[in-house]
Amino acid sequence: MRESRSSGSVRFRSLKRGIAAALAARYLLLPEYRQSIATAAPYLVLLACPLMMLLMMGGGHGGTKDDEK
């Protein structure tokens, strides 16, 4: 059980870093889109919350086969 949580945590961290890197790259490399990115950023954070919850909960699979016994 401990192993699955740590792998989900690693995926979550890498996803967060990837999204942040992509937004930072777009902001710096495409100056004509800076206003759009700045406007959309709060909404992107709100939309990321359910995605982060799914990743942290393991995709909503519920219990394992061991729990059914």
N, C-alpha and C. Protein backbone atom coordinates (compact mmCIF):
# COMPACT_ATOMS: atom_id res chain seq x y z
N MET A 1 0.83 -1.19 0.00
CA MET A 1 0.00 0.00 0.00
C MET A 1 0.87 1.25 0.00
N ARG A 2 1.91 1.24 0.76
CA ARG A 2 2.80 2.40 0.85
C ARG A 2 3.45 2.71 -0.50
N GLU A 3 3.78 1.67 -1.23
CA GLU A 3 4.44 1.85 -2.51
C GLU A 3 3.54 2.55 -3.52
N SER A 4 2.26 2.21 -3.55
CA SER A 4 1.34 2.84 -4.50
C SER A 4 1.14 4.31 -4.19
N ARG A 5 1.13 4.66 -2.93
CA ARG A 5 0.99 6.08 -2.59
C ARG A 5 2.20 6.87 -3.02
N SER A 6 3.39 6.32 -2.82
CA SER A 6 4.58 7.06 -3.19
C SER A 6 4.69 7.22 -4.70
N SER A 7 4.30 6.21 -5.48
CA SER A 7 4.35 6.35 -6.93
C SER A 7 3.31 7.37 -7.41
N GLY A 8 2.14 7.43 -6.77
CA GLY A 8 1.15 8.44 -7.11
C GLY A 8 1.63 9.83 -6.75
N SER A 9 2.35 9.93 -5.66
CA SER A 9 2.89 11.21 -5.25
C SER A 9 3.96 11.70 -6.23
N VAL A 10 4.76 10.78 -6.72
CA VAL A 10 5.80 11.14 -7.70
C VAL A 10 5.14 11.60 -8.99
N ARG A 11 4.11 10.88 -9.43
CA ARG A 11 3.39 11.29 -10.64
C ARG A 11 2.76 12.66 -10.46
N PHE A 12 2.19 12.90 -9.28
CA PHE A 12 1.54 14.17 -9.00
C PHE A 12 2.56 15.30 -9.05
N ARG A 13 3.72 15.09 -8.42
CA ARG A 13 4.75 16.13 -8.42
C ARG A 13 5.26 16.40 -9.83
N SER A 14 5.48 15.36 -10.60
CA SER A 14 5.98 15.56 -11.96
C SER A 14 4.93 16.24 -12.83
N LEU A 15 3.66 15.94 -12.61
CA LEU A 15 2.60 16.60 -13.35
C LEU A 15 2.56 18.08 -13.01
N LYS A 16 2.64 18.40 -11.72
CA LYS A 16 2.65 19.81 -11.30
C LYS A 16 3.82 20.55 -11.91
N ARG A 17 4.99 19.95 -11.86
CA ARG A 17 6.19 20.60 -12.42
C ARG A 17 6.07 20.76 -13.92
N GLY A 18 5.51 19.78 -14.60
CA GLY A 18 5.34 19.86 -16.04
C GLY A 18 4.39 20.97 -16.45
N ILE A 19 3.27 21.07 -15.75
CA ILE A 19 2.31 22.13 -16.05
C ILE A 19 2.92 23.50 -15.78
N ALA A 20 3.61 23.63 -14.67
CA ALA A 20 4.25 24.91 -14.34
C ALA A 20 5.31 25.27 -15.37
N ALA A 21 6.10 24.30 -15.80
CA ALA A 21 7.14 24.56 -16.80
C ALA A 21 6.53 24.96 -18.14
N ALA A 22 5.44 24.29 -18.53
CA ALA A 22 4.78 24.63 -19.79
C ALA A 22 4.21 26.04 -19.75
N LEU A 23 3.57 26.41 -18.65
CA LEU A 23 3.03 27.77 -18.54
C LEU A 23 4.13 28.82 -18.52
N ALA A 24 5.21 28.53 -17.81
CA ALA A 24 6.32 29.49 -17.76
C ALA A 24 6.97 29.64 -19.13
N ALA A 25 7.13 28.54 -19.85
CA ALA A 25 7.73 28.61 -21.19
C ALA A 25 6.85 29.40 -22.13
N ARG A 26 5.55 29.15 -22.09
CA ARG A 26 4.63 29.92 -22.95
C ARG A 26 4.66 31.40 -22.60
N TYR A 27 4.71 31.69 -21.31
CA TYR A 27 4.71 33.09 -20.88
C TYR A 27 5.95 33.81 -21.36
N LEU A 28 7.10 33.15 -21.27
CA LEU A 28 8.36 33.79 -21.65
C LEU A 28 8.60 33.79 -23.15
N LEU A 29 8.22 32.73 -23.84
CA LEU A 29 8.54 32.60 -25.25
C LEU A 29 7.50 33.23 -26.17
N LEU A 30 6.30 33.40 -25.71
CA LEU A 30 5.24 33.96 -26.54
C LEU A 30 4.65 35.21 -25.88
N PRO A 31 5.34 36.33 -26.01
CA PRO A 31 4.88 37.54 -25.31
C PRO A 31 3.50 38.03 -25.74
N GLU A 32 3.07 37.69 -26.96
CA GLU A 32 1.75 38.17 -27.40
C GLU A 32 0.61 37.46 -26.67
N TYR A 33 0.91 36.33 -25.99
CA TYR A 33 -0.12 35.60 -25.26
C TYR A 33 -0.07 35.83 -23.75
N ARG A 34 0.76 36.75 -23.30
CA ARG A 34 0.91 36.96 -21.85
C ARG A 34 -0.40 37.36 -21.18
N GLN A 35 -1.16 38.23 -21.80
CA GLN A 35 -2.43 38.66 -21.21
C GLN A 35 -3.40 37.49 -21.12
N SER A 36 -3.44 36.65 -22.15
CA SER A 36 -4.34 35.49 -22.14
C SER A 36 -3.95 34.51 -21.04
N ILE A 37 -2.66 34.27 -20.90
CA ILE A 37 -2.19 33.33 -19.88
C ILE A 37 -2.47 33.88 -18.50
N ALA A 38 -2.22 35.16 -18.30
CA ALA A 38 -2.47 35.77 -16.99
C ALA A 38 -3.96 35.75 -16.66
N THR A 39 -4.81 35.91 -17.66
CA THR A 39 -6.25 35.88 -17.44
C THR A 39 -6.75 34.47 -17.14
N ALA A 40 -6.19 33.47 -17.81
CA ALA A 40 -6.65 32.09 -17.67
C ALA A 40 -6.04 31.38 -16.46
N ALA A 41 -4.96 31.89 -15.89
CA ALA A 41 -4.25 31.20 -14.82
C ALA A 41 -5.14 30.83 -13.62
N PRO A 42 -5.98 31.73 -13.10
CA PRO A 42 -6.83 31.33 -11.97
C PRO A 42 -7.80 30.20 -12.33
N TYR A 43 -8.32 30.22 -13.55
CA TYR A 43 -9.23 29.16 -13.96
C TYR A 43 -8.50 27.83 -14.14
N LEU A 44 -7.26 27.90 -14.64
CA LEU A 44 -6.47 26.68 -14.79
C LEU A 44 -6.18 26.05 -13.43
N VAL A 45 -5.93 26.87 -12.43
CA VAL A 45 -5.69 26.35 -11.09
C VAL A 45 -6.95 25.67 -10.56
N LEU A 46 -8.11 26.30 -10.77
CA LEU A 46 -9.36 25.70 -10.32
C LEU A 46 -9.67 24.39 -11.05
N LEU A 47 -9.36 24.33 -12.33
CA LEU A 47 -9.59 23.10 -13.08
C LEU A 47 -8.58 22.02 -12.72
N ALA A 48 -7.42 22.42 -12.23
CA ALA A 48 -6.40 21.44 -11.85
C ALA A 48 -6.78 20.74 -10.55
N CYS A 49 -7.59 21.34 -9.72
CA CYS A 49 -7.95 20.74 -8.43
C CYS A 49 -8.60 19.37 -8.58
N PRO A 50 -9.63 19.20 -9.42
CA PRO A 50 -10.20 17.86 -9.56
C PRO A 50 -9.21 16.85 -10.13
N LEU A 51 -8.36 17.30 -11.06
CA LEU A 51 -7.36 16.41 -11.63
C LEU A 51 -6.36 15.97 -10.57
N MET A 52 -5.93 16.89 -9.73
CA MET A 52 -5.01 16.54 -8.66
C MET A 52 -5.67 15.58 -7.68
N MET A 53 -6.95 15.78 -7.40
CA MET A 53 -7.65 14.89 -6.48
C MET A 53 -7.72 13.47 -7.05
N LEU A 54 -8.01 13.35 -8.34
CA LEU A 54 -8.04 12.03 -8.97
C LEU A 54 -6.69 11.35 -8.89
N LEU A 55 -5.62 12.10 -9.14
CA LEU A 55 -4.29 11.50 -9.08
C LEU A 55 -3.91 11.12 -7.66
N MET A 56 -4.26 11.93 -6.71
CA MET A 56 -3.90 11.64 -5.32
C MET A 56 -4.70 10.45 -4.78
N MET A 57 -5.93 10.26 -5.26
CA MET A 57 -6.77 9.17 -4.78
C MET A 57 -6.56 7.89 -5.58
N GLY A 58 -5.65 7.90 -6.53
CA GLY A 58 -5.36 6.71 -7.31
C GLY A 58 -6.37 6.45 -8.41
N GLY A 59 -7.00 7.47 -8.92
CA GLY A 59 -7.94 7.31 -10.02
C GLY A 59 -9.32 6.86 -9.61
N GLY A 60 -9.60 6.75 -8.33
CA GLY A 60 -10.93 6.38 -7.87
C GLY A 60 -11.25 4.92 -8.04
N HIS A 61 -10.25 4.06 -7.93
CA HIS A 61 -10.46 2.63 -8.09
C HIS A 61 -11.10 1.97 -6.88
N GLY A 62 -11.12 2.65 -5.77
CA GLY A 62 -11.69 2.07 -4.56
C GLY A 62 -10.71 1.15 -3.86
N GLY A 63 -11.23 0.14 -3.22
CA GLY A 63 -10.40 -0.80 -2.45
C GLY A 63 -9.64 -1.76 -3.35
N THR A 64 -8.73 -2.49 -2.74
CA THR A 64 -7.98 -3.50 -3.47
C THR A 64 -8.64 -4.85 -3.31
N LYS A 65 -8.15 -5.86 -3.98
CA LYS A 65 -8.72 -7.20 -3.86
C LYS A 65 -8.51 -7.77 -2.46
N ASP A 66 -7.45 -7.34 -1.78
CA ASP A 66 -7.20 -7.81 -0.43
C ASP A 66 -8.28 -7.35 0.54
N ASP A 67 -8.88 -6.19 0.27
CA ASP A 67 -9.92 -5.66 1.16
C ASP A 67 -11.22 -6.46 1.07
N GLU A 68 -11.43 -7.17 -0.03
CA GLU A 68 -12.68 -7.90 -0.24
C GLU A 68 -12.74 -9.18 0.60
N LYS A 69 -11.63 -9.70 1.04
CA LYS A 69 -11.60 -10.97 1.78
C LYS A 69 -12.16 -10.85 3.16
